């Protein structure tokens, strides 16, 4: 993502997250991690180079300076599963292990 907008999403369970997924548009996505708590709930996102070392409060880059993973917090794991191109021996081992 070269530019866009990031919004903070807070949830106390999976149901609200499922509702969010159901309404996402094709030009929207979600990411794991948390924006720094001192940032507003909505910020502009640019590349690190565009940020150019400045630190305005409403513009971030997708870096650990702005988005992080806090120890002890629960997060959703993003998993992309696709059998396309999977070698037969891997598919057999996957099924033997109980499937995906």
N, C-alpha and C. Protein backbone atom coordinates (compact mmCIF):
# COMPACT_ATOMS: atom_id res chain seq x y z
N UNK A 1 0.84 -1.17 0.00
CA UNK A 1 0.00 0.00 0.00
C UNK A 1 0.88 1.23 0.00
N UNK A 2 0.78 2.02 -1.01
CA UNK A 2 1.59 3.21 -1.15
C UNK A 2 0.96 4.41 -0.45
N UNK A 3 -0.37 4.47 -0.49
CA UNK A 3 -1.07 5.56 0.20
C UNK A 3 -2.48 5.10 0.50
N UNK A 4 -3.06 5.72 1.49
CA UNK A 4 -4.42 5.35 1.85
C UNK A 4 -4.77 5.89 3.22
N UNK A 5 -5.72 5.24 3.84
CA UNK A 5 -6.19 5.63 5.16
C UNK A 5 -6.24 4.41 6.05
N UNK A 6 -5.81 4.57 7.28
CA UNK A 6 -5.90 3.50 8.27
C UNK A 6 -6.87 3.94 9.35
N UNK A 7 -7.72 3.01 9.76
CA UNK A 7 -8.67 3.28 10.83
C UNK A 7 -8.51 2.23 11.92
N UNK A 8 -8.60 2.66 13.13
CA UNK A 8 -8.50 1.76 14.27
C UNK A 8 -9.82 1.00 14.43
N UNK A 9 -9.73 -0.30 14.65
CA UNK A 9 -10.91 -1.14 14.88
C UNK A 9 -10.75 -1.80 16.23
N UNK A 10 -11.69 -1.58 17.10
CA UNK A 10 -11.66 -2.20 18.43
C UNK A 10 -12.79 -3.22 18.51
N UNK A 11 -12.49 -4.35 19.11
CA UNK A 11 -13.50 -5.39 19.23
C UNK A 11 -13.26 -6.20 20.48
N UNK A 12 -14.32 -6.65 21.10
CA UNK A 12 -14.18 -7.51 22.27
C UNK A 12 -14.50 -8.97 21.92
N UNK A 13 -14.54 -9.28 20.64
CA UNK A 13 -14.81 -10.65 20.23
C UNK A 13 -14.77 -10.80 18.72
N UNK A 14 -15.01 -12.00 18.27
CA UNK A 14 -14.91 -12.31 16.84
C UNK A 14 -16.14 -11.88 16.05
N UNK A 15 -17.30 -11.80 16.69
CA UNK A 15 -18.52 -11.44 15.95
C UNK A 15 -18.40 -10.07 15.27
N UNK A 16 -17.98 -9.02 15.96
CA UNK A 16 -17.82 -7.72 15.29
C UNK A 16 -16.78 -7.78 14.16
N UNK A 17 -15.75 -8.59 14.35
CA UNK A 17 -14.74 -8.73 13.29
C UNK A 17 -15.35 -9.39 12.06
N UNK A 18 -16.18 -10.40 12.26
CA UNK A 18 -16.87 -11.05 11.14
C UNK A 18 -17.77 -10.08 10.41
N UNK A 19 -18.45 -9.21 11.17
CA UNK A 19 -19.30 -8.20 10.54
C UNK A 19 -18.46 -7.23 9.70
N UNK A 20 -17.28 -6.88 10.20
CA UNK A 20 -16.37 -6.01 9.44
C UNK A 20 -15.96 -6.67 8.13
N UNK A 21 -15.58 -7.93 8.19
CA UNK A 21 -15.18 -8.65 6.98
C UNK A 21 -16.30 -8.68 5.95
N UNK A 22 -17.52 -8.81 6.42
CA UNK A 22 -18.66 -8.93 5.51
C UNK A 22 -18.91 -7.65 4.72
N UNK A 23 -18.47 -6.52 5.21
CA UNK A 23 -18.75 -5.25 4.52
C UNK A 23 -17.52 -4.62 3.87
N UNK A 24 -16.37 -5.28 3.97
CA UNK A 24 -15.17 -4.74 3.32
C UNK A 24 -15.37 -4.67 1.82
N UNK A 25 -14.92 -3.59 1.21
CA UNK A 25 -14.97 -3.44 -0.24
C UNK A 25 -13.69 -4.02 -0.85
N UNK A 26 -13.67 -4.19 -2.15
CA UNK A 26 -12.51 -4.80 -2.81
C UNK A 26 -11.26 -3.93 -2.71
N UNK A 27 -11.41 -2.65 -2.42
CA UNK A 27 -10.24 -1.79 -2.28
C UNK A 27 -9.89 -1.55 -0.81
N UNK A 28 -10.44 -2.37 0.09
CA UNK A 28 -10.17 -2.25 1.51
C UNK A 28 -9.54 -3.55 2.02
N UNK A 29 -8.81 -3.43 3.11
CA UNK A 29 -8.17 -4.59 3.71
C UNK A 29 -8.00 -4.32 5.20
N UNK A 30 -7.56 -5.33 5.91
CA UNK A 30 -7.24 -5.13 7.32
C UNK A 30 -5.85 -5.68 7.56
N UNK A 31 -5.26 -5.23 8.64
CA UNK A 31 -3.92 -5.67 9.00
C UNK A 31 -3.90 -5.98 10.49
N UNK A 32 -2.99 -6.83 10.89
CA UNK A 32 -2.85 -7.11 12.31
C UNK A 32 -1.96 -6.05 12.94
N UNK A 33 -1.94 -6.04 14.24
CA UNK A 33 -1.14 -5.08 14.97
C UNK A 33 -1.99 -3.92 15.45
N UNK A 34 -1.38 -3.03 16.14
CA UNK A 34 -2.08 -1.88 16.70
C UNK A 34 -1.35 -0.59 16.36
N UNK A 35 -2.13 0.40 15.96
CA UNK A 35 -1.53 1.72 15.79
C UNK A 35 -1.16 2.22 17.18
N UNK A 36 -0.11 2.99 17.24
CA UNK A 36 0.30 3.56 18.53
C UNK A 36 -0.90 4.21 19.22
N UNK A 37 -1.02 4.05 20.53
CA UNK A 37 -2.18 4.59 21.23
C UNK A 37 -2.30 6.12 21.16
N UNK A 38 -1.19 6.81 20.93
CA UNK A 38 -1.25 8.27 20.88
C UNK A 38 -1.74 8.80 19.54
N UNK A 39 -1.93 7.90 18.56
CA UNK A 39 -2.40 8.33 17.24
C UNK A 39 -3.92 8.42 17.23
N UNK A 40 -4.47 9.29 16.38
CA UNK A 40 -5.93 9.34 16.26
C UNK A 40 -6.47 8.03 15.68
N UNK A 41 -7.78 7.82 15.77
CA UNK A 41 -8.39 6.59 15.27
C UNK A 41 -8.37 6.47 13.75
N UNK A 42 -8.14 7.55 13.06
CA UNK A 42 -8.01 7.51 11.60
C UNK A 42 -6.82 8.37 11.20
N UNK A 43 -5.95 7.79 10.36
CA UNK A 43 -4.75 8.49 9.91
C UNK A 43 -4.54 8.24 8.42
N UNK A 44 -3.79 9.10 7.79
CA UNK A 44 -3.37 8.88 6.41
C UNK A 44 -2.14 7.98 6.44
N UNK A 45 -2.00 7.16 5.41
CA UNK A 45 -0.85 6.25 5.30
C UNK A 45 -0.08 6.60 4.04
N UNK A 46 1.22 6.77 4.20
CA UNK A 46 2.12 7.04 3.08
C UNK A 46 3.34 6.13 3.22
N UNK A 47 4.21 6.14 2.24
CA UNK A 47 5.43 5.35 2.35
C UNK A 47 6.39 6.01 3.33
N UNK A 48 7.32 5.24 3.81
CA UNK A 48 8.34 5.78 4.73
C UNK A 48 9.09 6.93 4.06
N UNK A 49 9.38 6.79 2.76
CA UNK A 49 10.10 7.85 2.05
C UNK A 49 9.28 9.14 1.97
N UNK A 50 7.97 9.01 1.74
CA UNK A 50 7.12 10.20 1.68
C UNK A 50 7.03 10.89 3.05
N UNK A 51 7.06 10.09 4.10
CA UNK A 51 7.02 10.65 5.45
C UNK A 51 8.28 11.47 5.71
N UNK A 52 9.39 11.00 5.15
CA UNK A 52 10.64 11.75 5.13
C UNK A 52 11.09 12.20 6.52
N UNK A 53 10.89 11.35 7.51
CA UNK A 53 11.38 11.67 8.85
C UNK A 53 10.47 12.59 9.66
N UNK A 54 9.48 13.22 9.03
CA UNK A 54 8.58 14.08 9.79
C UNK A 54 7.62 13.22 10.60
N UNK A 55 7.06 13.76 11.63
CA UNK A 55 6.19 13.00 12.52
C UNK A 55 4.87 13.70 12.77
N UNK A 56 4.11 14.07 11.70
CA UNK A 56 2.79 14.65 11.97
C UNK A 56 1.91 13.61 12.65
N UNK A 57 0.98 14.04 13.45
CA UNK A 57 0.17 13.12 14.25
C UNK A 57 -0.87 12.37 13.44
N UNK A 58 -1.20 12.84 12.24
CA UNK A 58 -2.28 12.19 11.48
C UNK A 58 -1.78 11.52 10.20
N UNK A 59 -0.46 11.33 10.06
CA UNK A 59 0.11 10.65 8.89
C UNK A 59 1.13 9.62 9.38
N UNK A 60 1.00 8.38 8.90
CA UNK A 60 1.92 7.32 9.31
C UNK A 60 2.45 6.58 8.10
N UNK A 61 3.46 5.76 8.34
CA UNK A 61 3.93 4.78 7.37
C UNK A 61 3.67 3.40 7.98
N UNK A 62 3.63 2.38 7.14
CA UNK A 62 3.39 1.02 7.65
C UNK A 62 4.70 0.45 8.18
N UNK A 63 5.14 0.97 9.30
CA UNK A 63 6.39 0.53 9.91
C UNK A 63 6.15 0.29 11.40
N UNK A 64 7.13 -0.32 12.05
CA UNK A 64 7.02 -0.58 13.49
C UNK A 64 7.03 0.71 14.30
N UNK A 65 7.40 1.81 13.69
CA UNK A 65 7.33 3.09 14.39
C UNK A 65 5.89 3.48 14.69
N UNK A 66 4.95 2.97 13.91
CA UNK A 66 3.55 3.38 14.02
C UNK A 66 2.61 2.23 14.32
N UNK A 67 2.93 1.04 13.85
CA UNK A 67 2.07 -0.14 14.03
C UNK A 67 2.91 -1.23 14.67
N UNK A 68 2.43 -1.78 15.77
CA UNK A 68 3.23 -2.80 16.44
C UNK A 68 2.35 -3.91 16.99
N UNK A 69 2.99 -4.91 17.51
CA UNK A 69 2.34 -6.06 18.12
C UNK A 69 2.76 -6.06 19.59
N UNK A 70 1.82 -5.91 20.49
CA UNK A 70 2.13 -5.80 21.91
C UNK A 70 2.10 -7.17 22.57
N UNK A 71 3.12 -7.44 23.34
CA UNK A 71 3.22 -8.71 24.07
C UNK A 71 1.98 -8.88 24.95
N UNK A 72 1.41 -10.07 24.93
CA UNK A 72 0.26 -10.37 25.76
C UNK A 72 -1.08 -10.06 25.13
N UNK A 73 -1.10 -9.28 24.04
CA UNK A 73 -2.35 -8.97 23.36
C UNK A 73 -2.74 -10.13 22.45
N UNK A 74 -4.03 -10.35 22.31
CA UNK A 74 -4.53 -11.35 21.37
C UNK A 74 -4.68 -10.69 20.01
N UNK A 75 -4.31 -11.41 18.98
CA UNK A 75 -4.45 -10.91 17.61
C UNK A 75 -5.01 -11.99 16.72
N UNK A 76 -5.51 -11.57 15.61
CA UNK A 76 -6.00 -12.48 14.58
C UNK A 76 -4.83 -12.83 13.68
N UNK A 77 -4.68 -14.11 13.37
CA UNK A 77 -3.63 -14.54 12.46
C UNK A 77 -4.19 -14.60 11.04
N UNK A 78 -3.50 -13.97 10.12
CA UNK A 78 -3.92 -13.99 8.72
C UNK A 78 -3.28 -15.19 8.04
N UNK A 79 -4.10 -16.07 7.51
CA UNK A 79 -3.60 -17.28 6.86
C UNK A 79 -4.20 -17.37 5.47
N UNK A 80 -3.35 -17.49 4.48
CA UNK A 80 -3.78 -17.64 3.09
C UNK A 80 -3.54 -19.09 2.69
N UNK A 81 -4.60 -19.83 2.49
CA UNK A 81 -4.47 -21.25 2.15
C UNK A 81 -4.95 -21.47 0.73
N UNK A 82 -4.13 -22.10 -0.06
CA UNK A 82 -4.45 -22.35 -1.46
C UNK A 82 -3.78 -23.65 -1.89
N UNK A 83 -4.54 -24.58 -2.40
CA UNK A 83 -3.98 -25.85 -2.85
C UNK A 83 -3.36 -25.76 -4.25
N UNK A 84 -3.62 -24.67 -4.94
CA UNK A 84 -3.09 -24.51 -6.31
C UNK A 84 -1.56 -24.63 -6.31
N UNK A 85 -1.05 -25.55 -7.08
CA UNK A 85 0.39 -25.74 -7.18
C UNK A 85 0.98 -26.56 -6.05
N UNK A 86 0.14 -27.07 -5.15
CA UNK A 86 0.64 -27.85 -4.02
C UNK A 86 1.14 -29.21 -4.52
N UNK A 87 2.37 -29.57 -4.17
CA UNK A 87 2.86 -30.89 -4.57
C UNK A 87 2.00 -32.00 -3.96
N UNK A 88 1.84 -33.09 -4.68
CA UNK A 88 0.99 -34.19 -4.24
C UNK A 88 1.42 -34.72 -2.88
N UNK A 89 2.74 -34.86 -2.67
CA UNK A 89 3.20 -35.42 -1.39
C UNK A 89 2.84 -34.49 -0.22
N UNK A 90 2.83 -33.19 -0.44
CA UNK A 90 2.43 -32.25 0.61
C UNK A 90 0.94 -32.37 0.88
N UNK A 91 0.15 -32.51 -0.18
CA UNK A 91 -1.30 -32.66 -0.03
C UNK A 91 -1.63 -33.93 0.77
N UNK A 92 -0.91 -35.00 0.50
CA UNK A 92 -1.13 -36.26 1.21
C UNK A 92 -0.78 -36.10 2.70
N UNK A 93 0.34 -35.45 3.00
CA UNK A 93 0.73 -35.22 4.39
C UNK A 93 -0.28 -34.31 5.10
N UNK A 94 -0.79 -33.32 4.39
CA UNK A 94 -1.75 -32.40 4.96
C UNK A 94 -3.03 -33.15 5.34
N UNK A 95 -3.51 -33.99 4.44
CA UNK A 95 -4.72 -34.77 4.72
C UNK A 95 -4.48 -35.74 5.86
N UNK A 96 -3.30 -36.37 5.91
CA UNK A 96 -2.97 -37.32 6.96
C UNK A 96 -2.94 -36.64 8.34
N UNK A 97 -2.61 -35.35 8.34
CA UNK A 97 -2.56 -34.58 9.59
C UNK A 97 -3.92 -34.04 9.98
N UNK A 98 -4.96 -34.34 9.20
CA UNK A 98 -6.30 -33.88 9.55
C UNK A 98 -6.80 -32.75 8.69
N UNK A 99 -6.02 -32.36 7.68
CA UNK A 99 -6.44 -31.28 6.78
C UNK A 99 -6.08 -29.91 7.31
N UNK A 100 -6.43 -28.92 6.54
CA UNK A 100 -6.10 -27.55 6.93
C UNK A 100 -6.89 -27.15 8.14
